[in-house]
PDB file of all heavy atoms in Angstrom:
ATOM      1  N   GLU A   1     107.595  50.015  59.322  1.00  0.00           N
ATOM      2  CA  GLU A   1     106.234  49.426  58.997  1.00  0.00           C
ATOM      3  C   GLU A   1     106.002  48.082  59.491  1.00  0.00           C
ATOM      4  O   GLU A   1     106.846  47.210  59.551  1.00  0.00           O
ATOM      5  CB  GLU A   1     106.206  49.378  57.356  1.00  0.00           C
ATOM      6  CG  GLU A   1     105.016  48.947  56.793  1.00  0.00           C
ATOM      7  CD  GLU A   1     104.916  48.970  55.367  1.00  0.00           C
ATOM      8  OE1 GLU A   1     105.696  49.551  54.725  1.00  0.00           O
ATOM      9  OE2 GLU A   1     104.019  48.157  54.784  1.00  0.00           O
ATOM     10  N   GLU A   2     104.723  47.835  60.003  1.00  0.00           N
ATOM     11  CA  GLU A   2     104.360  46.577  60.603  1.00  0.00           C
ATOM     12  C   GLU A   2     103.690  45.704  59.487  1.00  0.00           C
ATOM     13  O   GLU A   2     102.733  46.155  58.738  1.00  0.00           O
ATOM     14  CB  GLU A   2     103.519  46.815  61.649  1.00  0.00           C
ATOM     15  CG  GLU A   2     103.149  45.539  62.512  1.00  0.00           C
ATOM     16  CD  GLU A   2     102.427  45.807  63.698  1.00  0.00           C
ATOM     17  OE1 GLU A   2     101.181  45.753  63.658  1.00  0.00           O
ATOM     18  OE2 GLU A   2     103.091  46.078  64.827  1.00  0.00           O
ATOM     19  N   VAL A   3     104.054  44.470  59.342  1.00  0.00           N
ATOM     20  CA  VAL A   3     103.393  43.677  58.334  1.00  0.00           C
ATOM     21  C   VAL A   3     102.950  42.334  59.042  1.00  0.00           C
ATOM     22  O   VAL A   3     103.520  41.806  60.080  1.00  0.00           O
ATOM     23  CB  VAL A   3     104.401  43.184  57.299  1.00  0.00           C
ATOM     24  CG1 VAL A   3     103.857  42.131  56.264  1.00  0.00           C
ATOM     25  CG2 VAL A   3     105.107  44.356  56.627  1.00  0.00           C
ATOM     26  N   LEU A   4     101.799  41.843  58.576  1.00  0.00           N
ATOM     27  CA  LEU A   4     101.136  40.640  59.250  1.00  0.00           C
ATOM     28  C   LEU A   4     101.630  39.432  58.403  1.00  0.00           C
ATOM     29  O   LEU A   4     101.381  39.596  57.095  1.00  0.00           O
ATOM     30  CB  LEU A   4      99.637  40.784  59.266  1.00  0.00           C
ATOM     31  CG  LEU A   4      98.925  39.455  59.839  1.00  0.00           C
ATOM     32  CD1 LEU A   4      99.271  39.374  61.308  1.00  0.00           C
ATOM     33  CD2 LEU A   4      97.460  39.678  59.689  1.00  0.00           C
ATOM     34  N   PHE A   5     102.272  38.502  58.932  1.00  0.00           N
ATOM     35  CA  PHE A   5     102.745  37.404  58.195  1.00  0.00           C
ATOM     36  C   PHE A   5     101.997  36.129  58.672  1.00  0.00           C
ATOM     37  O   PHE A   5     101.661  36.032  59.914  1.00  0.00           O
ATOM     38  CB  PHE A   5     104.291  37.005  58.379  1.00  0.00           C
ATOM     39  CG  PHE A   5     105.130  37.846  57.602  1.00  0.00           C
ATOM     40  CD1 PHE A   5     106.345  38.459  58.196  1.00  0.00           C
ATOM     41  CD2 PHE A   5     104.943  38.092  56.245  1.00  0.00           C
ATOM     42  CE1 PHE A   5     107.078  39.239  57.545  1.00  0.00           C
ATOM     43  CE2 PHE A   5     105.840  38.987  55.537  1.00  0.00           C
ATOM     44  CZ  PHE A   5     106.885  39.510  56.154  1.00  0.00           C
ATOM     45  N   TYR A   6     101.662  35.182  57.891  1.00  0.00           N
ATOM     46  CA  TYR A   6     100.968  33.853  58.291  1.00  0.00           C
ATOM     47  C   TYR A   6     102.117  32.848  58.208  1.00  0.00           C
ATOM     48  O   TYR A   6     102.952  32.718  57.260  1.00  0.00           O
ATOM     49  CB  TYR A   6      99.933  33.464  57.198  1.00  0.00           C
ATOM     50  CG  TYR A   6      98.873  34.626  57.171  1.00  0.00           C
ATOM     51  CD1 TYR A   6      98.843  35.647  56.335  1.00  0.00           C
ATOM     52  CD2 TYR A   6      97.857  34.421  58.162  1.00  0.00           C
ATOM     53  CE1 TYR A   6      97.815  36.572  56.307  1.00  0.00           C
ATOM     54  CE2 TYR A   6      96.752  35.413  58.171  1.00  0.00           C
ATOM     55  CZ  TYR A   6      96.759  36.425  57.307  1.00  0.00           C
ATOM     56  OH  TYR A   6      95.763  37.361  57.395  1.00  0.00           O
ATOM     57  N   VAL A   7     102.135  32.069  59.273  1.00  0.00           N
ATOM     58  CA  VAL A   7     103.195  31.073  59.423  1.00  0.00           C
ATOM     59  C   VAL A   7     102.783  29.844  58.768  1.00  0.00           C
ATOM     60  O   VAL A   7     101.721  29.136  59.099  1.00  0.00           O
ATOM     61  CB  VAL A   7     103.455  30.812  60.948  1.00  0.00           C
ATOM     62  CG1 VAL A   7     104.582  29.745  61.180  1.00  0.00           C
ATOM     63  CG2 VAL A   7     103.851  32.058  61.674  1.00  0.00           C
ATOM     64  N   LEU A   8     103.482  29.407  57.713  1.00  0.00           N
ATOM     65  CA  LEU A   8     103.244  28.173  56.959  1.00  0.00           C
ATOM     66  C   LEU A   8     103.921  27.010  57.645  1.00  0.00           C
ATOM     67  O   LEU A   8     103.378  25.874  57.697  1.00  0.00           O
ATOM     68  CB  LEU A   8     103.910  28.294  55.495  1.00  0.00           C
ATOM     69  CG  LEU A   8     103.311  29.391  54.688  1.00  0.00           C
ATOM     70  CD1 LEU A   8     103.913  29.436  53.282  1.00  0.00           C
ATOM     71  CD2 LEU A   8     101.728  29.161  54.503  1.00  0.00           C
ATOM     72  N   GLU A   9     105.135  27.135  58.284  1.00  0.00           N
ATOM     73  CA  GLU A   9     105.893  26.000  58.807  1.00  0.00           C
ATOM     74  C   GLU A   9     106.936  26.521  59.668  1.00  0.00           C
ATOM     75  O   GLU A   9     107.333  27.688  59.528  1.00  0.00           O
ATOM     76  CB  GLU A   9     106.564  25.179  57.637  1.00  0.00           C
ATOM     77  CG  GLU A   9     107.056  23.859  58.152  1.00  0.00           C
ATOM     78  CD  GLU A   9     106.045  22.961  58.831  1.00  0.00           C
ATOM     79  OE1 GLU A   9     105.316  22.330  58.068  1.00  0.00           O
ATOM     80  OE2 GLU A   9     106.020  22.914  60.059  1.00  0.00           O
ATOM     81  N   GLN A  10     107.430  25.818  60.671  1.00  0.00           N
ATOM     82  CA  GLN A  10     108.410  26.154  61.597  1.00  0.00           C
ATOM     83  C   GLN A  10     109.371  24.989  61.784  1.00  0.00           C
ATOM     84  O   GLN A  10     108.995  23.871  61.695  1.00  0.00           O
ATOM     85  CB  GLN A  10     107.803  26.529  62.943  1.00  0.00           C
ATOM     86  CG  GLN A  10     108.842  26.861  63.993  1.00  0.00           C
ATOM     87  CD  GLN A  10     108.199  27.313  65.322  1.00  0.00           C
ATOM     88  OE1 GLN A  10     107.054  27.335  65.494  1.00  0.00           O
ATOM     89  NE2 GLN A  10     109.038  27.550  66.277  1.00  0.00           N
ATOM     90  N   THR A  11     110.740  25.228  61.914  1.00  0.00           N
ATOM     91  CA  THR A  11     111.607  24.217  62.181  1.00  0.00           C
ATOM     92  C   THR A  11     112.762  24.707  63.058  1.00  0.00           C
ATOM     93  O   THR A  11     112.922  25.984  63.125  1.00  0.00           O
ATOM     94  CB  THR A  11     112.247  23.676  60.865  1.00  0.00           C
ATOM     95  OG1 THR A  11     113.005  22.434  61.148  1.00  0.00           O
ATOM     96  CG2 THR A  11     113.165  24.773  60.226  1.00  0.00           C
ATOM     97  N   CYS A  12     113.424  23.833  63.608  1.00  0.00           N
ATOM     98  CA  CYS A  12     114.599  24.255  64.585  1.00  0.00           C
ATOM     99  C   CYS A  12     115.737  23.436  63.994  1.00  0.00           C
ATOM    100  O   CYS A  12     115.760  22.252  63.967  1.00  0.00           O
ATOM    101  CB  CYS A  12     114.230  23.880  65.949  1.00  0.00           C
ATOM    102  SG  CYS A  12     115.458  24.483  67.098  1.00  0.00           S
ATOM    103  N   ILE A  13     116.828  24.357  63.688  1.00  0.00           N
ATOM    104  CA  ILE A  13     118.079  23.560  63.264  1.00  0.00           C
ATOM    105  C   ILE A  13     119.183  24.080  63.966  1.00  0.00           C
ATOM    106  O   ILE A  13     119.423  25.300  64.036  1.00  0.00           O
ATOM    107  CB  ILE A  13     118.302  23.918  61.686  1.00  0.00           C
ATOM    108  CG1 ILE A  13     117.152  23.328  60.873  1.00  0.00           C
ATOM    109  CG2 ILE A  13     119.657  23.366  61.258  1.00  0.00           C
ATOM    110  CD1 ILE A  13     117.028  23.810  59.366  1.00  0.00           C
ATOM    111  N   GLY A  14     119.945  23.175  64.561  1.00  0.00           N
ATOM    112  CA  GLY A  14     121.129  23.698  65.399  1.00  0.00           C
ATOM    113  C   GLY A  14     120.849  24.578  66.571  1.00  0.00           C
ATOM    114  O   GLY A  14     121.509  25.506  66.914  1.00  0.00           O
ATOM    115  N   GLY A  15     119.681  24.331  67.056  1.00  0.00           N
ATOM    116  CA  GLY A  15     119.101  25.187  68.182  1.00  0.00           C
ATOM    117  C   GLY A  15     118.580  26.478  67.818  1.00  0.00           C
ATOM    118  O   GLY A  15     118.243  27.390  68.564  1.00  0.00           O
ATOM    119  N   VAL A  16     118.471  26.781  66.622  1.00  0.00           N
ATOM    120  CA  VAL A  16     117.926  28.072  66.022  1.00  0.00           C
ATOM    121  C   VAL A  16     116.537  27.794  65.319  1.00  0.00           C
ATOM    122  O   VAL A  16     116.422  26.873  64.588  1.00  0.00           O
ATOM    123  CB  VAL A  16     119.002  28.765  65.039  1.00  0.00           C
ATOM    124  CG1 VAL A  16     118.373  29.904  64.334  1.00  0.00           C
ATOM    125  CG2 VAL A  16     120.093  29.019  65.552  1.00  0.00           C
ATOM    126  N   SER A  17     115.546  28.619  65.682  1.00  0.00           N
ATOM    127  CA  SER A  17     114.190  28.478  65.220  1.00  0.00           C
ATOM    128  C   SER A  17     114.104  29.311  63.921  1.00  0.00           C
ATOM    129  O   SER A  17     114.572  30.371  63.845  1.00  0.00           O
ATOM    130  CB  SER A  17     113.112  28.910  66.192  1.00  0.00           C
ATOM    131  OG  SER A  17     113.158  28.027  67.407  1.00  0.00           O
ATOM    132  N   TYR A  18     113.339  28.703  62.943  1.00  0.00           N
ATOM    133  CA  TYR A  18     113.113  29.343  61.634  1.00  0.00           C
ATOM    134  C   TYR A  18     111.651  29.211  61.310  1.00  0.00           C
ATOM    135  O   TYR A  18     111.078  28.133  61.639  1.00  0.00           O
ATOM    136  CB  TYR A  18     114.013  28.750  60.478  1.00  0.00           C
ATOM    137  CG  TYR A  18     115.434  28.889  60.557  1.00  0.00           C
ATOM    138  CD1 TYR A  18     116.287  27.874  61.203  1.00  0.00           C
ATOM    139  CD2 TYR A  18     116.056  29.976  59.954  1.00  0.00           C
ATOM    140  CE1 TYR A  18     117.530  28.009  61.231  1.00  0.00           C
ATOM    141  CE2 TYR A  18     117.356  29.958  60.100  1.00  0.00           C
ATOM    142  CZ  TYR A  18     118.249  29.173  60.685  1.00  0.00           C
ATOM    143  OH  TYR A  18     119.574  29.219  60.785  1.00  0.00           O
ATOM    144  N   LEU A  19     111.171  30.316  60.789  1.00  0.00           N
ATOM    145  CA  LEU A  19     109.670  30.263  60.250  1.00  0.00           C
ATOM    146  C   LEU A  19     109.651  30.491  58.804  1.00  0.00           C
ATOM    147  O   LEU A  19     110.430  31.327  58.201  1.00  0.00           O
ATOM    148  CB  LEU A  19     109.025  31.416  60.989  1.00  0.00           C
ATOM    149  CG  LEU A  19     108.814  31.505  62.435  1.00  0.00           C
ATOM    150  CD1 LEU A  19     107.996  32.692  62.974  1.00  0.00           C
ATOM    151  CD2 LEU A  19     108.130  30.233  63.026  1.00  0.00           C
ATOM    152  N   LEU A  20     108.685  29.763  58.121  1.00  0.00           N
ATOM    153  CA  LEU A  20     108.471  30.111  56.800  1.00  0.00           C
ATOM    154  C   LEU A  20     107.125  30.755  56.760  1.00  0.00           C
ATOM    155  O   LEU A  20     106.129  30.182  57.340  1.00  0.00           O
ATOM    156  CB  LEU A  20     108.280  28.733  55.983  1.00  0.00           C
ATOM    157  CG  LEU A  20     107.923  28.862  54.550  1.00  0.00           C
ATOM    158  CD1 LEU A  20     108.976  29.530  53.712  1.00  0.00           C
ATOM    159  CD2 LEU A  20     107.721  27.562  53.931  1.00  0.00           C
ATOM    160  N   VAL A  21     107.026  31.953  56.311  1.00  0.00           N
ATOM    161  CA  VAL A  21     105.977  32.873  56.304  1.00  0.00           C
ATOM    162  C   VAL A  21     105.606  33.429  55.011  1.00  0.00           C
ATOM    163  O   VAL A  21     106.416  33.468  54.044  1.00  0.00           O
ATOM    164  CB  VAL A  21     106.177  34.001  57.426  1.00  0.00           C
ATOM    165  CG1 VAL A  21     106.402  33.544  58.762  1.00  0.00           C
ATOM    166  CG2 VAL A  21     107.371  34.971  56.904  1.00  0.00           C
ATOM    167  N   THR A  22     104.268  33.883  54.933  1.00  0.00           N
ATOM    168  CA  THR A  22     103.865  34.510  53.681  1.00  0.00           C
ATOM    169  C   THR A  22     102.951  35.692  54.048  1.00  0.00           C
ATOM    170  O   THR A  22     102.327  35.626  55.134  1.00  0.00           O
ATOM    171  CB  THR A  22     103.058  33.491  52.741  1.00  0.00           C
ATOM    172  OG1 THR A  22     102.678  34.114  51.582  1.00  0.00           O
ATOM    173  CG2 THR A  22     101.864  32.907  53.497  1.00  0.00           C
ATOM    174  N   GLU A  23     102.729  36.572  53.233  1.00  0.00           N
ATOM    175  CA  GLU A  23     101.886  37.786  53.467  1.00  0.00           C
ATOM    176  C   GLU A  23     100.408  37.454  53.186  1.00  0.00           C
ATOM    177  O   GLU A  23      99.549  38.113  53.736  1.00  0.00           O
ATOM    178  CB  GLU A  23     102.273  38.928  52.649  1.00  0.00           C
ATOM    179  CG  GLU A  23     103.643  39.481  52.941  1.00  0.00           C
ATOM    180  CD  GLU A  23     104.037  40.804  52.091  1.00  0.00           C
ATOM    181  OE1 GLU A  23     103.132  41.583  51.980  1.00  0.00           O
ATOM    182  OE2 GLU A  23     105.180  40.739  51.700  1.00  0.00           O
ATOM    183  N   ASP A  24     100.146  36.484  52.388  1.00  0.00           N
ATOM    184  CA  ASP A  24      98.787  36.230  51.965  1.00  0.00           C
ATOM    185  C   ASP A  24      98.460  34.774  52.397  1.00  0.00           C
ATOM    186  O   ASP A  24      98.990  33.786  51.939  1.00  0.00           O
ATOM    187  CB  ASP A  24      98.577  36.373  50.414  1.00  0.00           C
ATOM    188  CG  ASP A  24      97.166  36.332  49.954  1.00  0.00           C
ATOM    189  OD1 ASP A  24      96.286  35.760  50.645  1.00  0.00           O
ATOM    190  OD2 ASP A  24      96.933  37.006  48.992  1.00  0.00           O
ATOM    191  N   GLU A  25      97.348  34.661  53.106  1.00  0.00           N
ATOM    192  CA  GLU A  25      96.900  33.263  53.698  1.00  0.00           C
ATOM    193  C   GLU A  25      96.304  32.434  52.535  1.00  0.00           C
ATOM    194  O   GLU A  25      96.501  31.172  52.675  1.00  0.00           O
ATOM    195  CB  GLU A  25      95.928  33.533  54.804  1.00  0.00           C
ATOM    196  CG  GLU A  25      95.568  32.301  55.456  1.00  0.00           C
ATOM    197  CD  GLU A  25      94.640  32.499  56.700  1.00  0.00           C
ATOM    198  OE1 GLU A  25      94.009  33.672  56.833  1.00  0.00           O
ATOM    199  OE2 GLU A  25      94.463  31.601  57.464  1.00  0.00           O
ATOM    200  N   GLU A  26      95.676  32.963  51.637  1.00  0.00           N
ATOM    201  CA  GLU A  26      94.885  32.163  50.670  1.00  0.00           C
ATOM    202  C   GLU A  26      95.496  32.088  49.309  1.00  0.00           C
ATOM    203  O   GLU A  26      95.411  31.048  48.611  1.00  0.00           O
ATOM    204  CB  GLU A  26      93.521  32.918  50.508  1.00  0.00           C
ATOM    205  CG  GLU A  26      92.630  33.052  51.779  1.00  0.00           C
ATOM    206  CD  GLU A  26      92.382  31.641  52.400  1.00  0.00           C
ATOM    207  OE1 GLU A  26      91.988  30.706  51.637  1.00  0.00           O
ATOM    208  OE2 GLU A  26      92.233  31.519  53.618  1.00  0.00           O
ATOM    209  N   GLU A  27      96.137  33.039  48.828  1.00  0.00           N
ATOM    210  CA  GLU A  27      96.688  33.086  47.413  1.00  0.00           C
ATOM    211  C   GLU A  27      98.226  32.715  47.374  1.00  0.00           C
ATOM    212  O   GLU A  27      98.875  32.729  48.446  1.00  0.00           O
ATOM    213  CB  GLU A  27      96.547  34.443  46.856  1.00  0.00           C
ATOM    214  CG  GLU A  27      95.079  35.007  46.989  1.00  0.00           C
ATOM    215  CD  GLU A  27      94.226  34.685  45.768  1.00  0.00           C
ATOM    216  OE1 GLU A  27      94.780  34.574  44.750  1.00  0.00           O
ATOM    217  OE2 GLU A  27      93.005  34.541  46.074  1.00  0.00           O
ATOM    218  N   ASP A  28      98.629  32.503  46.158  1.00  0.00           N
ATOM    219  CA  ASP A  28     100.094  32.365  45.948  1.00  0.00           C
ATOM    220  C   ASP A  28     100.738  33.686  46.224  1.00  0.00           C
ATOM    221  O   ASP A  28     100.139  34.707  45.790  1.00  0.00           O
ATOM    222  CB  ASP A  28     100.462  31.926  44.430  1.00  0.00           C
ATOM    223  CG  ASP A  28     100.079  30.510  44.222  1.00  0.00           C
ATOM    224  OD1 ASP A  28      99.902  29.732  45.267  1.00  0.00           O
ATOM    225  OD2 ASP A  28     100.007  30.100  43.059  1.00  0.00           O
ATOM    226  N   SER A  29     101.818  33.679  46.937  1.00  0.00           N
ATOM    227  CA  SER A  29     102.483  34.900  47.302  1.00  0.00           C
ATOM    228  C   SER A  29     104.039  34.690  47.631  1.00  0.00           C
ATOM    229  O   SER A  29     104.324  33.563  47.617  1.00  0.00           O
ATOM    230  CB  SER A  29     101.826  35.764  48.456  1.00  0.00           C
ATOM    231  OG  SER A  29     101.955  35.021  49.510  1.00  0.00           O
ATOM    232  N   TYR A  30     104.715  35.718  47.796  1.00  0.00           N
ATOM    233  CA  TYR A  30     106.144  35.470  48.097  1.00  0.00           C
ATOM    234  C   TYR A  30     106.168  34.903  49.493  1.00  0.00           C
ATOM    235  O   TYR A  30     105.315  35.173  50.434  1.00  0.00           O
ATOM    236  CB  TYR A  30     106.861  36.838  48.225  1.00  0.00           C
ATOM    237  CG  TYR A  30     107.040  37.446  46.816  1.00  0.00           C
ATOM    238  CD1 TYR A  30     106.347  38.508  46.388  1.00  0.00           C
ATOM    239  CD2 TYR A  30     108.066  36.860  46.004  1.00  0.00           C
ATOM    240  CE1 TYR A  30     106.596  39.145  45.066  1.00  0.00           C
ATOM    241  CE2 TYR A  30     108.271  37.351  44.735  1.00  0.00           C
ATOM    242  CZ  TYR A  30     107.522  38.381  44.298  1.00  0.00           C
ATOM    243  OH  TYR A  30     107.700  38.904  43.005  1.00  0.00           O
ATOM    244  N   ALA A  31     107.100  34.093  49.715  1.00  0.00           N
ATOM    245  CA  ALA A  31     107.389  33.526  51.169  1.00  0.00           C
ATOM    246  C   ALA A  31     108.750  34.079  51.555  1.00  0.00           C
ATOM    247  O   ALA A  31     109.634  34.307  50.889  1.00  0.00           O
ATOM    248  CB  ALA A  31     107.388  31.966  51.018  1.00  0.00           C
ATOM    249  N   TYR A  32     108.847  34.059  52.871  1.00  0.00           N
ATOM    250  CA  TYR A  32     109.981  34.636  53.556  1.00  0.00           C
ATOM    251  C   TYR A  32     110.459  33.748  54.618  1.00  0.00           C
ATOM    252  O   TYR A  32     109.578  32.928  55.221  1.00  0.00           O
ATOM    253  CB  TYR A  32     109.835  35.978  54.150  1.00  0.00           C
ATOM    254  CG  TYR A  32     109.232  36.967  53.128  1.00  0.00           C
ATOM    255  CD1 TYR A  32     107.914  37.200  53.013  1.00  0.00           C
ATOM    256  CD2 TYR A  32     110.093  37.726  52.223  1.00  0.00           C
ATOM    257  CE1 TYR A  32     107.319  38.078  52.156  1.00  0.00           C
ATOM    258  CE2 TYR A  32     109.566  38.573  51.448  1.00  0.00           C
ATOM    259  CZ  TYR A  32     108.242  38.771  51.372  1.00  0.00           C
ATOM    260  OH  TYR A  32     107.701  39.626  50.358  1.00  0.00           O
ATOM    261  N   ILE A  33     111.769  33.536  54.878  1.00  0.00           N
ATOM    262  CA  ILE A  33     112.290  32.776  55.966  1.00  0.00           C
ATOM    263  C   ILE A  33     112.724  33.804  57.017  1.00  0.00           C
ATOM    264  O   ILE A  33     113.627  34.582  56.703  1.00  0.00           O
ATOM    265  CB  ILE A  33     113.210  31.828  55.590  1.00  0.00           C
ATOM    266  CG1 ILE A  33     112.782  30.694  54.453  1.00  0.00           C
ATOM    267  CG2 ILE A  33     113.927  31.049  56.762  1.00  0.00           C
ATOM    268  CD1 ILE A  33     113.726  29.777  53.919  1.00  0.00           C
ATOM    269  N   LEU A  34     112.148  33.550  58.203  1.00  0.00           N
ATOM    270  CA  LEU A  34     112.625  34.442  59.437  1.00  0.00           C
ATOM    271  C   LEU A  34     113.342  33.541  60.354  1.00  0.00           C
ATOM    272  O   LEU A  34     113.101  32.328  60.575  1.00  0.00           O
ATOM    273  CB  LEU A  34     111.426  34.990  60.066  1.00  0.00           C
ATOM    274  CG  LEU A  34     110.462  35.776  59.268  1.00  0.00           C
ATOM    275  CD1 LEU A  34     109.258  36.234  60.233  1.00  0.00           C
ATOM    276  CD2 LEU A  34     111.165  37.015  58.671  1.00  0.00           C
ATOM    277  N   LYS A  35     114.433  34.116  61.002  1.00  0.00           N
ATOM    278  CA  LYS A  35     115.219  33.472  62.047  1.00  0.00           C
ATOM    279  C   LYS A  35     115.188  34.044  63.258  1.00  0.00           C
ATOM    280  O   LYS A  35     115.235  35.397  63.452  1.00  0.00           O
ATOM    281  CB  LYS A  35     116.760  33.656  61.455  1.00  0.00           C
ATOM    282  CG  LYS A  35     117.822  33.073  62.385  1.00  0.00           C
ATOM    283  CD  LYS A  35     119.125  33.299  61.756  1.00  0.00           C
ATOM    284  CE  LYS A  35     120.231  32.729  62.543  1.00  0.00           C
ATOM    285  NZ  LYS A  35     121.555  32.953  61.912  1.00  0.00           N
ATOM    286  N   GLU A  36     114.862  33.336  64.304  1.00  0.00           N
ATOM    287  CA  GLU A  36     114.801  33.804  65.648  1.00  0.00           C
ATOM    288  C   GLU A  36     116.252  34.370  66.036  1.00  0.00           C
ATOM    289  O   GLU A  36     117.172  33.559  66.129  1.00  0.00           O
ATOM    290  CB  GLU A  36     114.369  32.729  66.640  1.00  0.00           C
ATOM    291  CG  GLU A  36     114.248  33.264  68.088  1.00  0.00           C
ATOM    292  CD  GLU A  36     113.730  32.149  69.005  1.00  0.00           C
ATOM    293  OE1 GLU A  36     112.792  31.481  68.649  1.00  0.00           O
ATOM    294  OE2 GLU A  36     114.348  32.061  70.119  1.00  0.00           O
ATOM    295  N   ILE A  37     116.282  35.581  66.449  1.00  0.00           N
ATOM    296  CA  ILE A  37     117.631  36.178  66.892  1.00  0.00           C
ATOM    297  C   ILE A  37     117.626  36.520  68.303  1.00  0.00           C
ATOM    298  O   ILE A  37     118.758  36.662  68.843  1.00  0.00           O
ATOM    299  CB  ILE A  37     117.961  37.397  66.074  1.00  0.00           C
ATOM    300  CG1 ILE A  37     116.945  38.468  66.168  1.00  0.00           C
ATOM    301  CG2 ILE A  37     118.196  36.926  64.546  1.00  0.00           C
ATOM    302  CD1 ILE A  37     117.356  39.687  65.502  1.00  0.00           C
ATOM    303  N   GLN A  38     116.453  36.652  68.944  1.00  0.00           N
ATOM    304  CA  GLN A  38     116.519  36.945  70.451  1.00  0.00           C
ATOM    305  C   GLN A  38     115.135  36.655  71.121  1.00  0.00           C
ATOM    306  O   GLN A  38     114.056  36.725  70.421  1.00  0.00           O
ATOM    307  CB  GLN A  38     116.933  38.533  70.505  1.00  0.00           C
ATOM    308  CG  GLN A  38     116.841  39.032  71.910  1.00  0.00           C
ATOM    309  CD  GLN A  38     117.122  40.456  71.949  1.00  0.00           C
ATOM    310  OE1 GLN A  38     117.444  41.169  70.958  1.00  0.00           O
ATOM    311  NE2 GLN A  38     116.926  41.152  73.103  1.00  0.00           N
ATOM    312  N   THR A  39     115.190  36.242  72.303  1.00  0.00           N
ATOM    313  CA  THR A  39     114.025  36.069  73.070  1.00  0.00           C
ATOM    314  C   THR A  39     114.064  36.948  74.305  1.00  0.00           C
ATOM    315  O   THR A  39     115.075  36.843  75.059  1.00  0.00           O
ATOM    316  CB  THR A  39     113.840  34.590  73.464  1.00  0.00           C
ATOM    317  OG1 THR A  39     113.798  33.776  72.378  1.00  0.00           O
ATOM    318  CG2 THR A  39     112.534  34.328  74.245  1.00  0.00           C
TER     319      THR A  39
END
């Protein structure tokens, strides 16, 4: 299943990129942290 996430913030720690994302751009909702694993 494909989900559209809105990126709230991005950071890079130890050469690894992380995204803080949410499913809802306007309302309070669950947030998820994604880790870049491959380019």
